[in-house]
C-alpha atoms as a PDB file:
ATOM      1  CA  MET A   1     -25.871  22.619 -24.353  1.00  0.00           C
ATOM      2  CA  VAL A   2     -23.894  24.778 -26.683  1.00  0.00           C
ATOM      3  CA  LYS A   3     -22.073  28.128 -27.773  1.00  0.00           C
ATOM      4  CA  ASP A   4     -23.719  29.288 -31.295  1.00  0.00           C
ATOM      5  CA  ASN A   5     -21.460  31.371 -32.663  1.00  0.00           C
ATOM      6  CA  LEU A   6     -22.081  29.897 -35.922  1.00  0.00           C
ATOM      7  CA  GLU A   7     -18.285  31.245 -37.209  1.00  0.00           C
ATOM      8  CA  LYS A   8     -15.918  34.041 -35.827  1.00  0.00           C
ATOM      9  CA  THR A   9     -16.973  36.926 -37.911  1.00  0.00           C
ATOM     10  CA  THR A  10     -20.250  36.040 -37.448  1.00  0.00           C
ATOM     11  CA  VAL A  11     -19.391  36.802 -33.926  1.00  0.00           C
ATOM     12  CA  GLU A  12     -17.758  39.694 -34.401  1.00  0.00           C
ATOM     13  CA  SER A  13     -20.941  41.221 -36.673  1.00  0.00           C
ATOM     14  CA  GLN A  14     -23.096  40.692 -33.729  1.00  0.00           C
ATOM     15  CA  LYS A  15     -20.799  42.448 -31.307  1.00  0.00           C
ATOM     16  CA  GLN A  16     -20.932  45.149 -33.931  1.00  0.00           C
ATOM     17  CA  ASN A  17     -24.571  45.497 -34.408  1.00  0.00           C
ATOM     18  CA  LEU A  18     -25.733  45.156 -31.038  1.00  0.00           C
ATOM     19  CA  THR A  19     -23.783  47.589 -29.762  1.00  0.00           C
ATOM     20  CA  VAL A  20     -24.851  50.190 -32.682  1.00  0.00           C
ATOM     21  CA  GLU A  21     -28.300  49.039 -31.958  1.00  0.00           C
ATOM     22  CA  THR A  22     -27.779  49.917 -28.018  1.00  0.00           C
ATOM     23  CA  GLN A  23     -26.123  53.412 -29.215  1.00  0.00           C
ATOM     24  CA  SER A  24     -29.072  53.877 -31.263  1.00  0.00           C
ATOM     25  CA  GLN A  25     -31.656  53.568 -29.064  1.00  0.00           C
ATOM     26  CA  ARG A  26     -30.239  55.338 -25.961  1.00  0.00           C
ATOM     27  CA  GLN A  27     -29.548  58.848 -28.092  1.00  0.00           C
ATOM     28  CA  PRO A  28     -32.293  59.993 -30.296  1.00  0.00           C
ATOM     29  CA  PRO A  29     -32.588  61.428 -33.862  1.00  0.00           C
ATOM     30  CA  GLY A  30     -29.660  63.048 -34.717  1.00  0.00           C
ATOM     31  CA  ALA A  31     -27.558  62.923 -31.689  1.00  0.00           C
ATOM     32  CA  PRO A  32     -23.720  62.103 -31.666  1.00  0.00           C
ATOM     33  CA  ALA A  33     -22.532  58.470 -32.045  1.00  0.00           C
ATOM     34  CA  ASP A  34     -19.724  58.833 -30.268  1.00  0.00           C
ATOM     35  CA  ASN A  35     -20.503  59.065 -26.515  1.00  0.00           C
ATOM     36  CA  GLU A  36     -17.292  60.496 -25.328  1.00  0.00           C
ATOM     37  CA  HIS A  37     -18.504  63.630 -27.746  1.00  0.00           C
ATOM     38  CA  ASN A  38     -21.478  64.223 -25.951  1.00  0.00           C
ATOM     39  CA  PRO A  39     -20.715  62.965 -22.107  1.00  0.00           C
ATOM     40  CA  LYS A  40     -24.272  63.936 -21.331  1.00  0.00           C
ATOM     41  CA  ARG A  41     -25.433  60.903 -23.452  1.00  0.00           C
ATOM     42  CA  ALA A  42     -23.351  58.811 -21.907  1.00  0.00           C
ATOM     43  CA  GLU A  43     -24.334  56.200 -19.328  1.00  0.00           C
ATOM     44  CA  PRO A  44     -22.313  53.912 -17.278  1.00  0.00           C
ATOM     45  CA  ASP A  45     -23.624  50.400 -17.774  1.00  0.00           C
ATOM     46  CA  ALA A  46     -22.894  50.942 -22.073  1.00  0.00           C
ATOM     47  CA  GLN A  47     -20.460  48.732 -23.217  1.00  0.00           C
ATOM     48  CA  GLU A  48     -20.307  46.089 -26.017  1.00  0.00           C
ATOM     49  CA  PRO A  49     -21.579  42.445 -24.718  1.00  0.00           C
ATOM     50  CA  THR A  50     -19.828  40.013 -23.162  1.00  0.00           C
ATOM     51  CA  ASP A  51     -18.828  36.769 -25.489  1.00  0.00           C
ATOM     52  CA  ARG A  52     -20.614  35.010 -22.794  1.00  0.00           C
ATOM     53  CA  GLN A  53     -23.434  37.240 -23.498  1.00  0.00           C
ATOM     54  CA  LEU A  54     -23.756  36.471 -27.104  1.00  0.00           C
ATOM     55  CA  ASP A  55     -22.795  32.610 -25.956  1.00  0.00           C
ATOM     56  CA  LEU A  56     -26.425  32.624 -23.874  1.00  0.00           C
ATOM     57  CA  LEU A  57     -27.721  34.419 -26.637  1.00  0.00           C
ATOM     58  CA  LEU A  58     -27.619  32.038 -29.252  1.00  0.00           C
ATOM     59  CA  TRP A  59     -28.021  29.403 -26.646  1.00  0.00           C
ATOM     60  CA  ASN A  60     -31.495  31.153 -25.687  1.00  0.00           C
ATOM     61  CA  LYS A  61     -32.775  31.861 -29.374  1.00  0.00           C
ATOM     62  CA  LEU A  62     -31.885  27.941 -30.197  1.00  0.00           C
ATOM     63  CA  ASN A  63     -34.682  26.520 -27.113  1.00  0.00           C
ATOM     64  CA  LEU A  64     -36.918  29.272 -28.646  1.00  0.00           C
ATOM     65  CA  ASN A  65     -36.505  27.908 -32.093  1.00  0.00           C
ATOM     66  CA  GLU A  66     -35.559  31.313 -33.927  1.00  0.00           C
ATOM     67  CA  ASP A  67     -33.964  31.802 -37.169  1.00  0.00           C
ATOM     68  CA  PRO A  68     -29.421  33.564 -36.451  1.00  0.00           C
ATOM     69  CA  GLU A  69     -31.625  36.848 -38.323  1.00  0.00           C
ATOM     70  CA  THR A  70     -33.789  37.321 -35.759  1.00  0.00           C
ATOM     71  CA  TRP A  71     -31.156  36.948 -32.245  1.00  0.00           C
ATOM     72  CA  CYS A  72     -31.154  40.355 -30.809  1.00  0.00           C
ATOM     73  CA  GLU A  73     -31.516  40.373 -27.594  1.00  0.00           C
ATOM     74  CA  LEU A  74     -28.720  39.464 -24.425  1.00  0.00           C
ATOM     75  CA  VAL A  75     -28.893  36.996 -21.803  1.00  0.00           C
ATOM     76  CA  THR A  76     -28.275  38.812 -18.415  1.00  0.00           C
ATOM     77  CA  GLY A  77     -28.624  38.686 -14.642  1.00  0.00           C
ATOM     78  CA  ALA A  78     -30.904  36.092 -12.755  1.00  0.00           C
ATOM     79  CA  ASP A  79     -31.892  34.249 -16.303  1.00  0.00           C
ATOM     80  CA  ALA A  80     -27.743  34.061 -17.777  1.00  0.00           C
ATOM     81  CA  ASP A  81     -27.112  31.321 -14.612  1.00  0.00           C
ATOM     82  CA  ASN A  82     -29.404  29.106 -15.734  1.00  0.00           C
ATOM     83  CA  TRP A  83     -28.491  28.024 -18.982  1.00  0.00           C
ATOM     84  CA  PRO A  84     -25.686  25.922 -19.947  1.00  0.00           C
ATOM     85  CA  THR A  85     -21.716  26.834 -19.720  1.00  0.00           C
ATOM     86  CA  HIS A  86     -20.460  24.578 -21.800  1.00  0.00           C
ATOM     87  CA  LEU A  87     -21.085  25.763 -25.012  1.00  0.00           C
ATOM     88  CA  ARG A  88     -18.964  25.642 -28.055  1.00  0.00           C
ATOM     89  CA  PRO A  89     -18.229  27.002 -31.546  1.00  0.00           C
ATOM     90  CA  PHE A  90     -20.273  25.877 -34.355  1.00  0.00           C
ATOM     91  CA  SER A  91     -18.521  25.684 -37.172  1.00  0.00           C
ATOM     92  CA  SER A  92     -20.725  25.707 -40.172  1.00  0.00           C
ATOM     93  CA  PRO A  93     -24.433  26.661 -40.301  1.00  0.00           C
ATOM     94  CA  ALA A  94     -25.215  22.552 -41.381  1.00  0.00           C
ATOM     95  CA  GLU A  95     -23.200  21.951 -37.842  1.00  0.00           C
ATOM     96  CA  TYR A  96     -25.735  24.131 -36.352  1.00  0.00           C
ATOM     97  CA  LYS A  97     -29.352  23.285 -37.755  1.00  0.00           C
ATOM     98  CA  LEU A  98     -27.731  19.476 -37.297  1.00  0.00           C
ATOM     99  CA  VAL A  99     -27.366  20.112 -33.650  1.00  0.00           C
ATOM    100  CA  LYS A 100     -30.818  22.182 -33.613  1.00  0.00           C
ATOM    101  CA  GLY A 101     -32.232  19.651 -34.976  1.00  0.00           C
ATOM    102  CA  THR A 102     -31.006  17.088 -32.616  1.00  0.00           C
ATOM    103  CA  TYR A 103     -32.029  19.220 -29.463  1.00  0.00           C
ATOM    104  CA  GLN A 104     -35.289  19.307 -30.396  1.00  0.00           C
ATOM    105  CA  GLN A 105     -35.819  16.244 -31.095  1.00  0.00           C
ATOM    106  CA  LEU A 106     -34.138  14.918 -27.067  1.00  0.00           C
ATOM    107  CA  LYS A 107     -36.260  17.730 -26.029  1.00  0.00           C
ATOM    108  CA  HIS A 108     -39.236  15.062 -26.819  1.00  0.00           C
ATOM    109  CA  SER A 109     -37.188  11.731 -26.055  1.00  0.00           C
ATOM    110  CA  GLY A 110     -37.793  11.976 -22.642  1.00  0.00           C
ATOM    111  CA  TYR A 111     -34.429  11.013 -21.530  1.00  0.00           C
ATOM    112  CA  TYR A 112     -32.511  14.504 -22.223  1.00  0.00           C
ATOM    113  CA  TRP A 113     -31.440  15.892 -19.526  1.00  0.00           C
ATOM    114  CA  GLY A 114     -30.173  18.791 -20.035  1.00  0.00           C
ATOM    115  CA  PRO A 115     -27.484  20.572 -18.361  1.00  0.00           C
ATOM    116  CA  MET A 116     -26.355  18.303 -15.286  1.00  0.00           C
ATOM    117  CA  THR A 117     -22.801  16.894 -13.635  1.00  0.00           C
ATOM    118  CA  MET A 118     -21.114  13.802 -13.980  1.00  0.00           C
ATOM    119  CA  GLU A 119     -21.896  13.426 -10.145  1.00  0.00           C
ATOM    120  CA  GLU A 120     -25.863  14.067 -10.609  1.00  0.00           C
ATOM    121  CA  ALA A 121     -26.210  11.801 -13.786  1.00  0.00           C
ATOM    122  CA  HIS A 122     -24.465   8.766 -11.503  1.00  0.00           C
ATOM    123  CA  LYS A 123     -26.075   9.483  -8.553  1.00  0.00           C
ATOM    124  CA  ILE A 124     -29.510   9.100 -10.354  1.00  0.00           C
ATOM    125  CA  LEU A 125     -28.234   6.141 -12.739  1.00  0.00           C
ATOM    126  CA  ALA A 126     -26.244   3.982  -9.583  1.00  0.00           C
ATOM    127  CA  HIS A 127     -29.609   2.046  -8.604  1.00  0.00           C
ATOM    128  CA  ALA A 128     -30.543   1.438 -12.352  1.00  0.00           C
ATOM    129  CA  LEU A 129     -30.220  -2.076 -14.059  1.00  0.00           C
ATOM    130  CA  GLN A 130     -27.217  -2.535 -16.420  1.00  0.00           C
ATOM    131  CA  GLY A 131     -27.380  -1.087 -19.295  1.00  0.00           C
ATOM    132  CA  THR A 132     -30.123   2.295 -18.863  1.00  0.00           C
ATOM    133  CA  PHE A 133     -28.908   5.368 -19.794  1.00  0.00           C
ATOM    134  CA  LEU A 134     -29.322   8.927 -20.288  1.00  0.00           C
ATOM    135  CA  ILE A 135     -28.786  11.843 -22.427  1.00  0.00           C
ATOM    136  CA  ARG A 136     -26.839  15.208 -21.034  1.00  0.00           C
ATOM    137  CA  ASP A 137     -25.551  17.912 -21.580  1.00  0.00           C
ATOM    138  CA  SER A 138     -21.356  17.758 -21.918  1.00  0.00           C
ATOM    139  CA  GLY A 139     -19.513  19.776 -19.429  1.00  0.00           C
ATOM    140  CA  GLN A 140     -16.405  19.867 -21.855  1.00  0.00           C
ATOM    141  CA  PRO A 141     -16.085  22.555 -23.607  1.00  0.00           C
ATOM    142  CA  ASN A 142     -15.593  21.273 -27.094  1.00  0.00           C
ATOM    143  CA  VAL A 143     -18.270  18.721 -26.816  1.00  0.00           C
ATOM    144  CA  PHE A 144     -22.144  18.273 -27.263  1.00  0.00           C
ATOM    145  CA  PHE A 145     -23.920  15.997 -25.457  1.00  0.00           C
ATOM    146  CA  THR A 146     -22.318  12.955 -23.184  1.00  0.00           C
ATOM    147  CA  LEU A 147     -23.652   9.774 -22.703  1.00  0.00           C
ATOM    148  CA  SER A 148     -24.369   8.046 -19.033  1.00  0.00           C
ATOM    149  CA  TYR A 149     -25.238   4.725 -18.477  1.00  0.00           C
ATOM    150  CA  GLN A 150     -24.985   2.463 -15.667  1.00  0.00           C
ATOM    151  CA  SER A 151     -22.118  -0.062 -17.180  1.00  0.00           C
ATOM    152  CA  GLU A 152     -20.585  -3.548 -15.297  1.00  0.00           C
ATOM    153  CA  ASP A 153     -18.548  -1.356 -12.814  1.00  0.00           C
ATOM    154  CA  GLY A 154     -21.132   0.972 -12.168  1.00  0.00           C
ATOM    155  CA  PRO A 155     -22.054   4.448 -13.475  1.00  0.00           C
ATOM    156  CA  THR A 156     -20.045   5.575 -16.816  1.00  0.00           C
ATOM    157  CA  SER A 157     -20.528   8.849 -19.129  1.00  0.00           C
ATOM    158  CA  VAL A 158     -19.274   8.774 -22.372  1.00  0.00           C
ATOM    159  CA  ARG A 159     -18.381  12.174 -24.093  1.00  0.00           C
ATOM    160  CA  VAL A 160     -21.071  12.231 -27.650  1.00  0.00           C
ATOM    161  CA  HIS A 161     -18.224  13.822 -30.657  1.00  0.00           C
ATOM    162  CA  LEU A 162     -19.652  15.163 -33.541  1.00  0.00           C
ATOM    163  CA  ASN A 163     -16.577  15.700 -36.397  1.00  0.00           C
ATOM    164  CA  ASN A 164     -17.940  16.617 -40.180  1.00  0.00           C
ATOM    165  CA  MET A 165     -21.057  16.243 -39.843  1.00  0.00           C
ATOM    166  CA  LEU A 166     -20.534  12.552 -38.067  1.00  0.00           C
ATOM    167  CA  PHE A 167     -21.587  11.926 -34.024  1.00  0.00           C
ATOM    168  CA  SER A 168     -19.462   9.079 -32.606  1.00  0.00           C
ATOM    169  CA  LEU A 169     -18.846   7.988 -29.197  1.00  0.00           C
ATOM    170  CA  HIS A 170     -15.347   8.997 -27.513  1.00  0.00           C
ATOM    171  CA  GLY A 171     -12.825   6.387 -28.520  1.00  0.00           C
ATOM    172  CA  SER A 172     -14.530   4.561 -31.146  1.00  0.00           C
ATOM    173  CA  GLN A 173     -14.012   4.844 -34.952  1.00  0.00           C
ATOM    174  CA  ARG A 174     -17.652   3.866 -35.523  1.00  0.00           C
ATOM    175  CA  THR A 175     -19.471   7.283 -36.861  1.00  0.00           C
ATOM    176  CA  PHE A 176     -23.450   7.922 -37.545  1.00  0.00           C
ATOM    177  CA  SER A 177     -24.705  10.821 -39.141  1.00  0.00           C
ATOM    178  CA  SER A 178     -27.613  10.685 -36.636  1.00  0.00           C
ATOM    179  CA  PHE A 179     -27.751  10.777 -32.886  1.00  0.00           C
ATOM    180  CA  PHE A 180     -30.663   8.540 -33.286  1.00  0.00           C
ATOM    181  CA  THR A 181     -28.624   6.548 -35.260  1.00  0.00           C
ATOM    182  CA  LEU A 182     -25.858   6.396 -33.044  1.00  0.00           C
ATOM    183  CA  LEU A 183     -28.413   5.333 -30.014  1.00  0.00           C
ATOM    184  CA  THR A 184     -30.246   2.945 -32.191  1.00  0.00           C
ATOM    185  CA  TYR A 185     -27.014   0.968 -32.718  1.00  0.00           C
ATOM    186  CA  TYR A 186     -25.379   0.972 -29.004  1.00  0.00           C
ATOM    187  CA  THR A 187     -29.300  -0.337 -28.050  1.00  0.00           C
ATOM    188  CA  SER A 188     -29.280  -3.063 -30.255  1.00  0.00           C
ATOM    189  CA  SER A 189     -28.802  -6.493 -28.791  1.00  0.00           C
ATOM    190  CA  SER A 190     -24.963  -6.591 -29.565  1.00  0.00           C
ATOM    191  CA  CYS A 191     -24.264  -3.550 -27.423  1.00  0.00           C
ATOM    192  CA  LYS A 192     -24.773  -2.727 -23.824  1.00  0.00           C
ATOM    193  CA  LEU A 193     -27.215  -0.342 -23.452  1.00  0.00           C
ATOM    194  CA  THR A 194     -30.893  -1.297 -22.769  1.00  0.00           C
ATOM    195  CA  VAL A 195     -33.346   1.399 -21.683  1.00  0.00           C
ATOM    196  CA  PRO A 196     -33.447   4.905 -21.614  1.00  0.00           C
ATOM    197  CA  TYR A 197     -33.543   6.221 -17.784  1.00  0.00           C
ATOM    198  CA  ARG A 198     -36.690   8.950 -18.622  1.00  0.00           C
ATOM    199  CA  LYS A 199     -37.478  12.057 -16.511  1.00  0.00           C
ATOM    200  CA  GLN A 200     -40.830  11.513 -16.318  1.00  0.00           C
ATOM    201  CA  ARG A 201     -41.663   8.077 -14.731  1.00  0.00           C
ATOM    202  CA  PRO A 202     -44.136   6.885 -15.445  1.00  0.00           C
ATOM    203  CA  GLU A 203     -44.171   8.063 -19.258  1.00  0.00           C
ATOM    204  CA  SER A 204     -46.904   9.873 -20.432  1.00  0.00           C
ATOM    205  CA  LEU A 205     -49.871   7.792 -22.828  1.00  0.00           C
ATOM    206  CA  LYS A 206     -49.000   9.775 -25.743  1.00  0.00           C
ATOM    207  CA  GLN A 207     -45.294   8.918 -25.542  1.00  0.00           C
ATOM    208  CA  LEU A 208     -46.084   5.258 -25.684  1.00  0.00           C
ATOM    209  CA  CYS A 209     -47.876   5.416 -28.271  1.00  0.00           C
ATOM    210  CA  ARG A 210     -45.616   7.680 -30.468  1.00  0.00           C
ATOM    211  CA  ARG A 211     -43.237   4.929 -29.876  1.00  0.00           C
ATOM    212  CA  ALA A 212     -44.988   2.060 -30.659  1.00  0.00           C
ATOM    213  CA  PHE A 213     -46.666   3.848 -33.526  1.00  0.00           C
ATOM    214  CA  ILE A 214     -43.252   4.629 -34.932  1.00  0.00           C
ATOM    215  CA  ARG A 215     -41.921   0.925 -34.059  1.00  0.00           C
ATOM    216  CA  THR A 216     -44.774  -0.282 -35.564  1.00  0.00           C
ATOM    217  CA  TYR A 217     -45.516   1.739 -39.376  1.00  0.00           C
ATOM    218  CA  GLY A 218     -41.762   3.177 -39.116  1.00  0.00           C
ATOM    219  CA  THR A 219     -41.344   6.674 -39.983  1.00  0.00           C
ATOM    220  CA  GLU A 220     -41.982   7.042 -43.565  1.00  0.00           C
ATOM    221  CA  SER A 221     -45.809   5.998 -42.941  1.00  0.00           C
ATOM    222  CA  VAL A 222     -46.474   9.291 -40.957  1.00  0.00           C
ATOM    223  CA  SER A 223     -47.450  11.248 -43.858  1.00  0.00           C
ATOM    224  CA  THR A 224     -48.656   8.098 -46.015  1.00  0.00           C
ATOM    225  CA  LEU A 225     -51.159   6.428 -43.252  1.00  0.00           C
ATOM    226  CA  PRO A 226     -54.955   7.784 -43.699  1.00  0.00           C
ATOM    227  CA  GLY A 227     -56.885   8.679 -40.214  1.00  0.00           C
ATOM    228  CA  LEU A 228     -54.175  10.543 -39.031  1.00  0.00           C
ATOM    229  CA  SER A 229     -55.032  14.375 -38.465  1.00  0.00           C
ATOM    230  CA  HIS A 230     -52.080  17.311 -38.714  1.00  0.00           C
ATOM    231  CA  GLN A 231     -51.721  17.508 -35.008  1.00  0.00           C
ATOM    232  CA  VAL A 232     -51.205  14.289 -34.583  1.00  0.00           C
ATOM    233  CA  LYS A 233     -48.596  14.059 -37.840  1.00  0.00           C
ATOM    234  CA  ASN A 234     -46.557  16.815 -36.440  1.00  0.00           C
ATOM    235  CA  TYR A 235     -46.090  14.895 -32.605  1.00  0.00           C
ATOM    236  CA  VAL A 236     -44.743  12.106 -33.869  1.00  0.00           C
ATOM    237  CA  ARG A 237     -42.450  14.061 -36.794  1.00  0.00           C
ATOM    238  CA  ALA A 238     -41.467  15.648 -33.379  1.00  0.00           C
ATOM    239  CA  TYR A 239     -39.440  12.636 -31.956  1.00  0.00           C
ATOM    240  CA  PRO A 240     -40.419   9.661 -34.804  1.00  0.00           C
ATOM    241  CA  HIS A 241     -38.119   7.542 -33.289  1.00  0.00           C
ATOM    242  CA  CYS A 242     -38.645   4.057 -30.812  1.00  0.00           C
ATOM    243  CA  ILE A 243     -36.118   4.488 -28.646  1.00  0.00           C
END
């Protein structure tokens, strides 16, 4: 789901830092920094990390909830095949934080399916009721998420755009400051979306209770209602939506 370069200069800086770090790990103190002048130290696999490796690294750290300052390892080999390939650059640190928060809450929603092709999504929705939807990673290089749903004409997919910190569906001029505000609008009685298609079927009791709590008391009441443990409050805050 995402090429996590905050800026072009950030990528170049990370490439240089990773290259220097790799060289320092392979050479003892006092050894020449340039392997061309020290052929005994040269290794055939010592090379500058590729853009693809950096993309995977940044996405990996996004999943691990780590800050950009801690990114220092590359994802290679078989592990690299498990990461999304539609990664796009972040335009700013603010956009990174917005997408990261959205992604973390989507993981708690139950209807986020991660990397998935359009064909796979449409196959899942083929026998679902009209209006059933799911969220998946977009296959487009400049888009983070895609909404797939069962329409009157069968399974349909619509890209979710993020421009100037606002979410919108492809072809619509209506924008939203939150991805979940967008979903709330399109799942209202006047729109076509009805219920999400969740990966866990049936859902766990905890998931059902969390949404029922938000539906009854609202997000703002999580911190003020008595009798809720710190653990319960954190669980509700992880997905403070009733969709």
